[in-house]
Structure formats: C-alpha cells, structure tokens
C-alpha cells in the first residue's frame, strides 16, 4: 500500500513531471495526426488516380496491332466486361497562326493543368470508352459553361472540323471557350523506300482540311476527373481523327482499356489478358522483342503511389525521433526524482522496505506519466485529425494564412484516415519506451545502500 501512496505523492509534489508527460503527449499526438493525414492523402490520391484510369491497360502494342482480333481474344477471358481502343501521341497546342512556343521557365506545371503547351493527344472511341471508364461523369463534372453540348457524342465533328476536349483547369488557364480553334502541332514516322524512317510534320490535309499548316481542332468542351495530373497532360480527340492524322490503318490501336466485372481479381485477369494478347500477336516466350504488357490501374501508377507511401514511412521515422526525445526528457525527470529522494530511499529501507518495493515506487511513477501522456496524446491526436480542416479554416479566416494548400492536390479539405492498428502500435511503442526509461532510474534507486543514503542525509 505504501508503494502506491509514495508514488502518488512524488508525482503530485513535483510539477516537473508534467514536462515528461507533455513530451509523451506530444510524441503520441504527432505520430497519430501526421500519419493519419498521410494515410488520408494516400487514400484520396488513390481514389483520384482510380477515377481517371481503366481497370486494366494493355500497353506497348506493335505497329501492326489491330483492335478487332485483340478485342475478340480479350473478351474471351472470364471477368472481362468491356474493352476500348486508344491511341496516344505527343502534340503542342497553340491558337491557329501562332508559332509553337516553349513553356515558360517559371509557371504552373502540367500537374496543375498549367502553362506548358505539351500534351498527350489521346485518341478514344467515346462509345467504347464510356463502357470502360467514367467518361460520362468526366463530362458532367465541369462547370455548365464548359460542358459539351451533346454528351452522347462529345467528339463529333463541328462544322467539318475535328473536336478536342481539354481538362477544365487547362481550358480555364488558357482562356479558351467552347468553339475556339486550336492547332495541334505534331509529327508522324514514315518509312522510306529504303526501309528507313523519318519524322514528317502532320498537316491539316491529314484530317480533311487544306493547307500545310498544323491540323486545327474545335474545342468541344472540357472534362474533369479527380486526377489533376491526368487532366493537365491529356487532350482527348476522336480515335478516327488521330488515325487520319498519323496515317494509320482504320483499326490501328496502341493501347487497350479494359473493364473487369470483379475488381478483386484484377491482377489475375491482367496476367491472363497479357498472355492472350501475346498469343494473338505471335510473341514467343523469350522473344527479344518488346512484348505487350497488361497493367492494373494500381500497377500502372505504382511509382506515384509508392512515392506517397514512402513519404509516409519516412515521416514515421522522423516522428519516432520525437518519441525518443520525449523518452530522454522523461528519463531526466525520473533521474532527478531519484537523486532528490535519496534520503527517502534510506528511510524507507530502514523501516523494512525491500529493494523491489523501492523499484516499484519509481517504476509506478514513470508508468503513470507514460500512461497519462498516451491517453491525452491519443485523444488529442484523434480530435486534431478529425477537426484539422476546421482549424485550417479558422486560421485562414483569422490570419489569412493557408496552413494546408489543399487545392494544389485537387483536394476539397485536409484528408485524414485514423487507423486503429497504427494507434495501438503507437500506444504499445510508447508503453515499451516508457517502461524502459522508467526501469533504469528505478533500478538505480533499488540498488541504493540505505546506510550511505542515511549518512548523506
């Protein structure tokens, strides 16, 4: 009974113990809040990438690839719901009559749909693409003034000219409106009589126009996915128009988007599609040629998602340093307590107290500080993560300072995701660290010679 009494007395009579508890609280709070923000950001970014991606994409198809036979081979695979052909090419967007200009040295990057005129010209078949992606929702997610007039035929020709769709942010940044004209400067590779290849500039004649200038497209409207990187880098045109520009066969395809029925089996289905496509194209096992690959949406964007995941892991390591600092602080306060209570230790031993009892007193002090810090830090961390957006809005209203510029990543609010397992891991780690730093001063107190302690008194 005396152990609990002395431990309580030592804790309440020394306000400096609050310093140790504050360190534990800060460490637990930081580990919960920061990791929950990164976890929420990773989840939201994954959703954004997912919104702009097909379930599976077939890449690196050869020049001789044709969509019809490949579609037949892919649709025979169980779990495949739909397919859509695509062409991907590079281009420069400028107003007609203007010379293509390089992007500014300083300015918004393509991630924000900004100043650079370089884009991927993505040729799609709207009828097939809406069955494999969320194309319809992309067209309806923009402001009314930028919506295509006929969503059922978003890339139909306008006044005889081919249509083009831009990301809404890019369209807004460029000051473009529906009906404006855009010249798409690009080139195509042609084979000469000797079998060599040369790059030839694409002209307006390729798409049914006249003249030797770049093909001119009409802005039919905008689209908006949640993934700003996709919107900023891709301009959508009809696949037939892009085939004509590049001088390709009517059924030519460079990429195939695939929708699956059961997303839980996406990886397995991707492997089956890859094997089926290679068989159809005659690729032998061990061929030195660059064979087609089928990637799930997560595998396709693995580098980007792993980069965010790595940042979260790195932040965990940095925040653990805060916990170690709190442990050092608690160790210092407990060591000071043992030094100050040397005479009390001698008296306690003289009255019959055992070394184990002395150790228990100081160990109980350290564990009490640790547990209180964990409880307060966990509660504060969970509340802070949940209401961080409200705090951001308050600071923005009060000082005009945006602590978390969410618009940079196309977010509506500061994301968070509280992981119960991570919270338990933080609590367990804090308990383990608190036990170690409490045990060291407690063991030193238990080894005190009572005669030396009383003589010092």
Protein backbone atom coordinates (compact mmCIF):
# COMPACT_ATOMS: atom_id res chain seq x y z
CA UNK A 1 0.00 0.00 0.00
CA UNK A 2 2.88 2.35 0.79
CA UNK A 3 4.17 1.97 -2.75
CA UNK A 4 1.04 3.47 -4.30
CA UNK A 5 0.95 6.21 -1.65
CA UNK A 6 4.56 7.24 -2.21
CA UNK A 7 4.28 7.08 -5.99
CA UNK A 8 1.20 9.34 -5.92
CA UNK A 9 2.88 11.76 -3.54
CA UNK A 10 6.06 12.00 -5.60
CA UNK A 11 4.06 12.63 -8.76
CA UNK A 12 1.80 15.32 -7.31
CA UNK A 13 4.54 17.12 -5.37
CA UNK A 14 6.81 17.57 -8.40
CA UNK A 15 5.23 19.72 -11.17
CA UNK A 16 8.26 19.00 -13.36
CA UNK A 17 6.71 15.59 -14.02
CA UNK A 18 4.26 17.40 -16.28
CA UNK A 19 7.20 18.06 -18.57
CA UNK A 20 7.75 14.35 -19.10
CA UNK A 21 4.06 13.72 -19.61
CA UNK A 22 3.94 16.60 -22.08
CA UNK A 23 6.76 15.05 -24.09
CA UNK A 24 4.95 11.71 -24.33
CA UNK A 25 1.72 13.51 -25.22
CA UNK A 26 3.44 15.47 -27.97
CA UNK A 27 5.09 12.38 -29.43
CA UNK A 28 1.87 10.35 -29.49
CA UNK A 29 -0.12 13.30 -30.87
CA UNK A 30 2.36 13.91 -33.69
CA UNK A 31 2.52 10.24 -34.67
CA UNK A 32 -1.26 9.98 -34.86
CA UNK A 33 -2.01 13.30 -36.58
CA UNK A 34 0.72 13.34 -39.22
CA UNK A 35 0.39 9.67 -40.15
CA UNK A 36 -3.41 9.98 -40.33
CA UNK A 37 -3.03 12.93 -42.73
CA UNK A 38 -0.62 10.98 -44.94
CA UNK A 39 -2.89 7.92 -44.82
CA UNK A 40 -5.88 10.06 -45.79
CA UNK A 41 -3.87 11.73 -48.55
CA UNK A 42 -2.77 8.34 -49.89
CA UNK A 43 -6.37 7.12 -49.90
CA UNK A 44 -7.71 10.24 -51.63
CA UNK A 45 -4.91 10.33 -54.19
CA UNK A 46 -5.57 6.66 -54.91
CA UNK A 47 -9.22 7.49 -55.50
CA UNK A 48 -8.25 10.35 -57.81
CA UNK A 49 -5.91 8.15 -59.84
CA UNK A 50 -8.56 5.44 -59.93
CA UNK A 51 -11.16 7.88 -61.26
CA UNK A 52 -9.04 8.58 -64.36
CA UNK A 53 -7.95 5.01 -65.06
CA UNK A 54 -9.37 1.90 -66.63
CA UNK A 55 -9.26 -1.27 -64.56
CA UNK A 56 -6.57 -2.71 -66.85
CA UNK A 57 -4.48 -1.12 -69.59
CA UNK A 58 -2.68 -3.05 -72.34
CA UNK A 59 0.50 -1.23 -73.38
CA UNK A 60 3.35 -1.48 -75.87
CA UNK A 61 1.33 -2.89 -78.74
CA UNK A 62 3.30 -3.14 -82.02
CA UNK A 63 2.57 -1.02 -85.10
CA UNK A 64 0.87 -3.99 -86.73
CA UNK A 65 -1.66 -4.42 -83.92
CA UNK A 66 -5.34 -4.27 -84.88
CA UNK A 67 -8.15 -3.82 -82.40
CA UNK A 68 -10.76 -6.28 -83.68
CA UNK A 69 -8.77 -9.53 -83.23
CA UNK A 70 -7.31 -8.35 -79.93
CA UNK A 71 -10.75 -7.40 -78.65
CA UNK A 72 -12.06 -10.86 -79.52
CA UNK A 73 -9.18 -12.55 -77.69
CA UNK A 74 -9.58 -10.35 -74.60
CA UNK A 75 -13.37 -10.70 -74.35
CA UNK A 76 -12.99 -14.49 -74.27
CA UNK A 77 -11.24 -14.18 -70.91
CA UNK A 78 -13.51 -14.60 -67.86
CA UNK A 79 -14.10 -11.46 -65.79
CA UNK A 80 -13.65 -9.07 -68.76
CA UNK A 81 -16.67 -6.80 -69.22
CA UNK A 82 -15.65 -4.35 -71.97
CA UNK A 83 -12.71 -3.06 -73.99
CA UNK A 84 -11.87 0.20 -75.76
CA UNK A 85 -9.13 1.12 -78.26
CA UNK A 86 -6.82 4.07 -77.75
CA UNK A 87 -4.06 5.93 -79.50
CA UNK A 88 -1.51 8.01 -77.62
CA UNK A 89 0.62 10.64 -79.35
CA UNK A 90 2.52 13.79 -78.48
CA UNK A 91 1.45 17.26 -79.52
CA UNK A 92 1.72 21.01 -78.99
CA UNK A 93 -1.42 23.12 -78.56
CA UNK A 94 -1.48 26.65 -79.96
CA UNK A 95 -4.01 29.01 -81.43
CA UNK A 96 -4.07 28.94 -85.24
CA UNK A 97 -1.49 31.22 -86.78
CA UNK A 98 0.71 31.27 -83.69
CA UNK A 99 4.10 29.63 -83.72
CA UNK A 100 4.53 26.84 -81.17
CA UNK A 101 6.38 28.31 -78.24
CA UNK A 102 8.29 26.63 -75.44
CA UNK A 103 6.76 26.67 -71.96
CA UNK A 104 7.79 29.46 -69.58
CA UNK A 105 10.75 28.77 -67.33
CA UNK A 106 8.62 29.54 -64.30
CA UNK A 107 4.95 28.72 -64.18
CA UNK A 108 2.37 26.12 -63.39
CA UNK A 109 3.33 22.60 -64.35
CA UNK A 110 1.16 20.09 -66.09
CA UNK A 111 0.17 18.63 -62.72
CA UNK A 112 -1.94 21.74 -62.22
CA UNK A 113 -3.06 21.84 -65.85
CA UNK A 114 -0.90 24.87 -66.33
CA UNK A 115 1.14 26.81 -68.84
CA UNK A 116 3.01 24.19 -70.83
CA UNK A 117 1.57 23.57 -74.34
CA UNK A 118 2.89 19.99 -74.45
CA UNK A 119 0.18 17.33 -74.09
CA UNK A 120 -0.57 13.72 -74.80
CA UNK A 121 -3.11 13.64 -77.62
CA UNK A 122 -5.29 10.73 -76.56
CA UNK A 123 -7.45 9.22 -79.28
CA UNK A 124 -10.54 7.49 -77.87
CA UNK A 125 -13.72 5.92 -79.16
CA UNK A 126 -16.35 7.64 -76.96
CA UNK A 127 -18.91 4.84 -77.34
CA UNK A 128 -16.48 2.17 -76.22
CA UNK A 129 -14.58 4.35 -73.74
CA UNK A 130 -17.67 5.21 -71.69
CA UNK A 131 -18.11 1.45 -71.12
CA UNK A 132 -14.59 1.08 -69.71
CA UNK A 133 -14.04 4.38 -67.90
CA UNK A 134 -16.12 7.06 -66.18
CA UNK A 135 -16.18 9.25 -69.32
CA UNK A 136 -19.80 10.32 -68.81
CA UNK A 137 -19.10 11.55 -65.28
CA UNK A 138 -15.96 13.36 -66.52
CA UNK A 139 -18.10 15.36 -68.94
CA UNK A 140 -20.73 16.23 -66.32
CA UNK A 141 -18.24 17.20 -63.60
CA UNK A 142 -17.31 20.52 -65.27
CA UNK A 143 -18.97 23.91 -64.90
CA UNK A 144 -22.11 24.31 -67.08
CA UNK A 145 -20.41 26.83 -69.36
CA UNK A 146 -17.68 24.34 -70.28
CA UNK A 147 -19.82 21.25 -70.83
CA UNK A 148 -20.08 19.66 -74.24
CA UNK A 149 -23.38 20.36 -75.95
CA UNK A 150 -24.06 16.71 -76.79
CA UNK A 151 -22.58 14.40 -74.11
CA UNK A 152 -23.70 11.33 -76.08
CA UNK A 153 -21.41 12.40 -78.96
CA UNK A 154 -18.76 14.55 -77.26
CA UNK A 155 -16.19 14.29 -80.08
CA UNK A 156 -18.47 14.64 -83.09
CA UNK A 157 -17.12 16.96 -85.78
CA UNK A 158 -18.14 20.62 -85.56
CA UNK A 159 -18.56 22.49 -88.87
CA UNK A 160 -16.45 19.84 -90.57
CA UNK A 161 -13.57 20.20 -88.13
CA UNK A 162 -12.45 17.53 -85.64
CA UNK A 163 -13.30 18.16 -81.99
CA UNK A 164 -11.00 18.21 -78.98
CA UNK A 165 -11.67 18.03 -75.22
CA UNK A 166 -9.35 19.66 -72.69
CA UNK A 167 -9.06 19.36 -68.94
CA UNK A 168 -11.23 22.02 -67.34
CA UNK A 169 -8.36 23.64 -65.43
CA UNK A 170 -6.19 23.82 -68.55
CA UNK A 171 -9.09 25.29 -70.50
CA UNK A 172 -9.65 27.91 -67.82
CA UNK A 173 -5.94 28.77 -67.52
CA UNK A 174 -5.64 29.17 -71.30
CA UNK A 175 -8.72 31.40 -71.56
CA UNK A 176 -10.36 29.04 -74.04
CA UNK A 177 -14.08 28.66 -74.64
CA UNK A 178 -16.27 26.21 -76.49
CA UNK A 179 -15.98 26.84 -80.22
CA UNK A 180 -12.42 28.21 -80.08
CA UNK A 181 -9.89 26.79 -82.54
CA UNK A 182 -6.69 25.01 -81.55
CA UNK A 183 -3.84 23.95 -83.79
CA UNK A 184 -2.25 20.63 -82.83
CA UNK A 185 1.37 20.54 -83.97
CA UNK A 186 2.87 17.06 -84.13
CA UNK A 187 4.66 14.66 -86.44
CA UNK A 188 4.46 11.06 -87.60
CA UNK A 189 7.02 8.49 -88.57
CA UNK A 190 7.07 7.34 -92.20
CA UNK A 191 9.09 4.63 -93.84
CA UNK A 192 11.11 5.48 -96.94
CA UNK A 193 11.69 3.32 -99.99
CA UNK A 194 14.97 2.13 -98.48
CA UNK A 195 13.21 0.99 -95.31
CA UNK A 196 14.48 3.89 -93.24
CA UNK A 197 12.28 6.00 -91.00
CA UNK A 198 11.82 9.74 -91.00
CA UNK A 199 9.73 12.18 -89.00
CA UNK A 200 7.18 14.05 -91.11
CA UNK A 201 5.15 17.02 -89.92
CA UNK A 202 1.40 16.38 -89.75
CA UNK A 203 -0.62 18.91 -91.76
CA UNK A 204 -4.26 19.91 -91.93
CA UNK A 205 -4.74 17.73 -95.01
CA UNK A 206 -4.48 14.66 -92.76
CA UNK A 207 -7.82 15.40 -91.14
CA UNK A 208 -9.78 16.54 -94.17
CA UNK A 209 -8.62 20.16 -94.17
CA UNK A 210 -6.46 22.13 -96.56
CA UNK A 211 -3.07 23.74 -96.41
CA UNK A 212 0.30 22.80 -94.96
CA UNK A 213 -0.32 24.22 -91.50
CA UNK A 214 -0.95 22.16 -88.38
CA UNK A 215 -4.37 20.48 -88.09
CA UNK A 216 -6.99 22.70 -86.48
CA UNK A 217 -9.42 21.30 -83.92
CA UNK A 218 -12.52 22.87 -82.38
CA UNK A 219 -12.79 22.98 -78.59
CA UNK A 220 -15.96 20.98 -77.97
CA UNK A 221 -15.83 21.39 -74.20
CA UNK A 222 -13.97 20.25 -71.12
CA UNK A 223 -13.74 17.16 -68.99
CA UNK A 224 -12.81 16.84 -65.35
CA UNK A 225 -11.50 13.82 -63.50
CA UNK A 226 -10.36 14.00 -59.91
CA UNK A 227 -6.77 13.40 -61.04
CA UNK A 228 -5.29 16.79 -61.99
CA UNK A 229 -2.19 15.14 -63.44
CA UNK A 230 -4.36 13.35 -66.00
CA UNK A 231 -6.42 16.43 -66.86
CA UNK A 232 -3.38 18.64 -67.24
CA UNK A 233 -1.50 16.26 -69.52
CA UNK A 234 -4.16 14.80 -71.83
CA UNK A 235 -6.24 16.26 -74.65
CA UNK A 236 -8.98 13.94 -75.92
CA UNK A 237 -9.77 13.59 -79.63
CA UNK A 238 -11.70 11.01 -81.61
CA UNK A 239 -9.57 8.00 -82.40
CA UNK A 240 -10.55 8.09 -86.09
CA UNK A 241 -9.31 11.68 -86.39
CA UNK A 242 -6.00 10.79 -84.76
CA UNK A 243 -5.62 7.75 -87.02
CA UNK A 244 -6.09 10.01 -90.02
CA UNK A 245 -3.54 12.50 -88.66
CA UNK A 246 -0.92 9.81 -88.16
CA UNK A 247 -1.69 7.92 -91.36
CA UNK A 248 -2.59 4.73 -89.51
CA UNK A 249 -4.89 1.91 -90.56
CA UNK A 250 -8.61 2.30 -89.70
CA UNK A 251 -8.36 -0.36 -86.94
CA UNK A 252 -4.90 0.55 -85.62
CA UNK A 253 -4.51 0.60 -81.84
CA UNK A 254 -1.67 1.44 -79.47
CA UNK A 255 -3.34 0.86 -76.12
CA UNK A 256 -6.43 -1.02 -74.96
CA UNK A 257 -8.51 -0.07 -71.91
CA UNK A 258 -10.25 -2.99 -70.20
CA UNK A 259 -13.07 -3.03 -67.65
CA UNK A 260 -13.45 -6.07 -65.39
CA UNK A 261 -16.51 -7.42 -63.63
CA UNK A 262 -14.85 -8.40 -60.34
CA UNK A 263 -12.21 -5.88 -59.28
CA UNK A 264 -10.91 -8.27 -56.63
CA UNK A 265 -9.45 -10.42 -59.43
CA UNK A 266 -7.95 -7.55 -61.42
CA UNK A 267 -4.32 -8.68 -61.09
CA UNK A 268 -5.09 -12.25 -62.15
CA UNK A 269 -7.18 -11.02 -65.08
CA UNK A 270 -4.36 -8.70 -66.19
CA UNK A 271 -1.96 -11.66 -66.35
CA UNK A 272 -4.44 -13.65 -68.46
CA UNK A 273 -5.00 -10.70 -70.81
CA UNK A 274 -1.27 -10.25 -71.26
CA UNK A 275 -0.81 -13.91 -72.22
CA UNK A 276 -3.82 -13.81 -74.59
CA UNK A 277 -2.58 -10.65 -76.35
CA UNK A 278 0.90 -12.08 -76.80
CA UNK A 279 -0.51 -15.28 -78.26
CA UNK A 280 -2.72 -13.33 -80.65
CA UNK A 281 0.22 -11.20 -81.83
CA UNK A 282 2.53 -14.20 -82.17
CA UNK A 283 5.05 -13.31 -79.47
CA UNK A 284 7.04 -16.35 -78.48
CA UNK A 285 8.29 -16.99 -74.97
CA UNK A 286 11.74 -15.48 -74.53
CA UNK A 287 11.41 -13.23 -77.58
CA UNK A 288 13.82 -10.31 -77.69
CA UNK A 289 11.07 -8.05 -79.00
CA UNK A 290 9.34 -5.66 -76.64
CA UNK A 291 6.20 -7.59 -75.78
CA UNK A 292 2.86 -6.04 -74.80
CA UNK A 293 2.14 -5.65 -71.11
CA UNK A 294 -1.18 -5.58 -69.23
CA UNK A 295 -1.21 -3.47 -66.08
CA UNK A 296 -3.90 -2.98 -63.49
CA UNK A 297 -4.58 0.65 -62.62
CA UNK A 298 -2.67 0.29 -59.36
CA UNK A 299 0.34 -1.32 -61.05
CA UNK A 300 0.31 1.32 -63.78
CA UNK A 301 0.60 4.11 -61.21
CA UNK A 302 2.69 2.14 -58.74
CA UNK A 303 5.62 4.55 -58.85
CA UNK A 304 3.47 7.53 -57.93
CA UNK A 305 1.54 5.71 -55.19
CA UNK A 306 4.69 4.16 -53.76
CA UNK A 307 6.26 7.61 -53.66
CA UNK A 308 3.47 8.85 -51.40
CA UNK A 309 3.69 5.66 -49.34
CA UNK A 310 7.43 6.15 -48.96
CA UNK A 311 6.90 9.71 -47.74
CA UNK A 312 4.52 8.40 -45.10
CA UNK A 313 7.04 5.77 -43.98
CA UNK A 314 9.82 8.36 -43.87
CA UNK A 315 7.61 10.67 -41.82
CA UNK A 316 7.02 7.85 -39.33
CA UNK A 317 10.76 7.51 -38.83
CA UNK A 318 11.16 11.25 -38.31
CA UNK A 319 8.30 11.37 -35.82
CA UNK A 320 9.70 8.46 -33.83
CA UNK A 321 12.63 10.78 -33.07
CA UNK A 322 10.13 12.99 -31.22
CA UNK A 323 9.13 9.97 -29.14
CA UNK A 324 12.78 9.25 -28.36
CA UNK A 325 13.26 12.88 -27.33
CA UNK A 326 10.26 12.59 -25.02
CA UNK A 327 11.78 9.40 -23.55
CA UNK A 328 15.05 11.20 -22.84
CA UNK A 329 13.12 14.03 -21.19
CA UNK A 330 11.17 11.59 -19.01
CA UNK A 331 14.35 9.75 -18.09
CA UNK A 332 15.92 13.03 -16.98
CA UNK A 333 12.95 13.96 -14.76
CA UNK A 334 12.84 10.49 -13.17
CA UNK A 335 16.60 10.53 -12.58
CA UNK A 336 16.24 13.90 -10.86
CA UNK A 337 13.47 12.45 -8.72
CA UNK A 338 15.67 9.53 -7.64
CA UNK A 339 18.52 11.92 -6.79
CA UNK A 340 16.21 14.17 -4.77
CA UNK A 341 14.64 11.25 -2.88
CA UNK A 342 17.92 9.60 -1.79
CA UNK A 343 17.20 10.22 1.90
CA UNK A 344 13.63 8.95 1.50
CA UNK A 345 15.01 5.76 0.00
CA UNK A 346 17.30 5.28 3.01
CA UNK A 347 14.47 5.84 5.49
CA UNK A 348 12.18 3.52 3.54
CA UNK A 349 14.77 0.73 3.59
CA UNK A 350 15.46 1.28 7.28
CA UNK A 351 11.75 0.84 8.02
CA UNK A 352 11.73 -2.52 6.25
CA UNK A 353 11.13 -1.57 2.64
CA UNK A 354 12.64 -4.02 0.15
CA UNK A 355 14.68 -3.05 -2.93
CA UNK A 356 11.85 -4.45 -5.01
CA UNK A 357 9.39 -2.15 -3.25
CA UNK A 358 11.64 0.88 -3.83
CA UNK A 359 11.93 -0.03 -7.52
CA UNK A 360 8.15 -0.41 -7.77
CA UNK A 361 7.59 3.12 -6.40
CA UNK A 362 9.69 4.81 -9.07
CA UNK A 363 8.59 2.43 -11.81
CA UNK A 364 4.97 3.26 -10.99
CA UNK A 365 5.81 6.97 -11.29
CA UNK A 366 7.29 6.51 -14.75
CA UNK A 367 4.48 4.30 -15.98
CA UNK A 368 1.86 6.72 -14.65
CA UNK A 369 3.50 9.55 -16.57
CA UNK A 370 3.62 7.37 -19.69
CA UNK A 371 0.02 6.18 -19.48
CA UNK A 372 -1.32 9.70 -18.86
CA UNK A 373 0.71 11.00 -21.80
CA UNK A 374 -0.59 8.22 -24.06
CA UNK A 375 -4.23 8.81 -23.08
CA UNK A 376 -4.04 12.58 -23.53
CA UNK A 377 -1.94 12.32 -26.71
CA UNK A 378 -4.24 9.74 -28.31
CA UNK A 379 -7.37 11.73 -27.54
CA UNK A 380 -5.79 14.98 -28.74
CA UNK A 381 -4.41 13.30 -31.87
CA UNK A 382 -7.74 11.79 -32.89
CA UNK A 383 -9.63 15.04 -32.28
CA UNK A 384 -6.98 17.10 -34.10
CA UNK A 385 -7.04 14.81 -37.14
CA UNK A 386 -10.83 14.90 -37.37
CA UNK A 387 -11.15 18.67 -36.97
CA UNK A 388 -7.96 19.72 -38.75
CA UNK A 389 -9.93 21.17 -41.67
CA UNK A 390 -11.97 23.33 -39.29
CA UNK A 391 -8.74 24.53 -37.65
CA UNK A 392 -7.32 25.33 -41.10
CA UNK A 393 -10.41 27.35 -41.98
CA UNK A 394 -10.21 29.21 -38.66
CA UNK A 395 -6.55 30.18 -39.18
CA UNK A 396 -7.31 31.17 -42.77
CA UNK A 397 -10.17 33.39 -41.56
CA UNK A 398 -8.18 34.85 -38.68
CA UNK A 399 -4.77 35.42 -40.26
CA UNK A 400 -5.26 34.82 -43.98
CA UNK A 401 -2.65 32.04 -43.86
CA UNK A 402 -3.44 28.71 -45.50
CA UNK A 403 -1.60 26.09 -43.46
CA UNK A 404 -2.53 23.29 -45.87
CA UNK A 405 -2.94 24.43 -49.50
CA UNK A 406 -5.31 21.62 -50.47
CA UNK A 407 -6.05 23.00 -53.96
CA UNK A 408 -2.52 22.12 -55.04
CA UNK A 409 -3.53 18.45 -54.88
CA UNK A 410 -7.12 18.96 -56.01
CA UNK A 411 -8.50 18.29 -52.52
CA UNK A 412 -11.67 19.72 -51.03
CA UNK A 413 -10.42 19.51 -47.43
CA UNK A 414 -7.48 18.22 -45.42
CA UNK A 415 -7.80 14.43 -45.65
CA UNK A 416 -7.39 12.09 -42.71
CA UNK A 417 -7.75 8.41 -42.02
CA UNK A 418 -7.45 7.12 -38.46
CA UNK A 419 -6.02 3.62 -38.44
CA UNK A 420 -6.88 1.80 -35.17
CA UNK A 421 -4.00 -0.62 -35.71
CA UNK A 422 -1.49 2.23 -36.05
CA UNK A 423 -2.90 3.92 -32.92
CA UNK A 424 -2.43 0.66 -30.99
CA UNK A 425 1.11 0.37 -32.34
CA UNK A 426 1.91 3.92 -31.22
CA UNK A 427 0.48 3.23 -27.76
CA UNK A 428 2.41 -0.04 -27.48
CA UNK A 429 5.63 1.66 -28.60
CA UNK A 430 5.10 4.45 -26.06
CA UNK A 431 4.44 1.92 -23.29
CA UNK A 432 7.59 -0.01 -24.21
CA UNK A 433 9.74 3.12 -24.31
CA UNK A 434 8.19 4.43 -21.07
CA UNK A 435 8.84 1.13 -19.31
CA UNK A 436 12.49 1.11 -20.34
CA UNK A 437 13.23 4.72 -19.34
CA UNK A 438 11.31 4.23 -16.06
CA UNK A 439 13.08 0.99 -15.21
CA UNK A 440 16.58 2.44 -15.43
CA UNK A 441 16.17 5.09 -12.66
CA UNK A 442 14.03 2.64 -10.66
CA UNK A 443 16.78 0.01 -10.73
CA UNK A 444 19.34 2.62 -9.65
CA UNK A 445 17.08 3.59 -6.74
CA UNK A 446 16.65 -0.06 -5.72
CA UNK A 447 20.44 -0.53 -5.58
CA UNK A 448 20.98 2.38 -3.19
CA UNK A 449 22.79 1.41 0.01
CA UNK A 450 20.47 2.59 2.83
CA UNK A 451 23.42 3.39 5.13
CA UNK A 452 25.01 5.61 2.51
CA UNK A 453 21.62 7.26 1.86
CA UNK A 454 21.06 7.97 5.58
CA UNK A 455 24.63 9.14 6.08
CA UNK A 456 24.14 11.58 3.20
CA UNK A 457 21.04 12.88 4.99
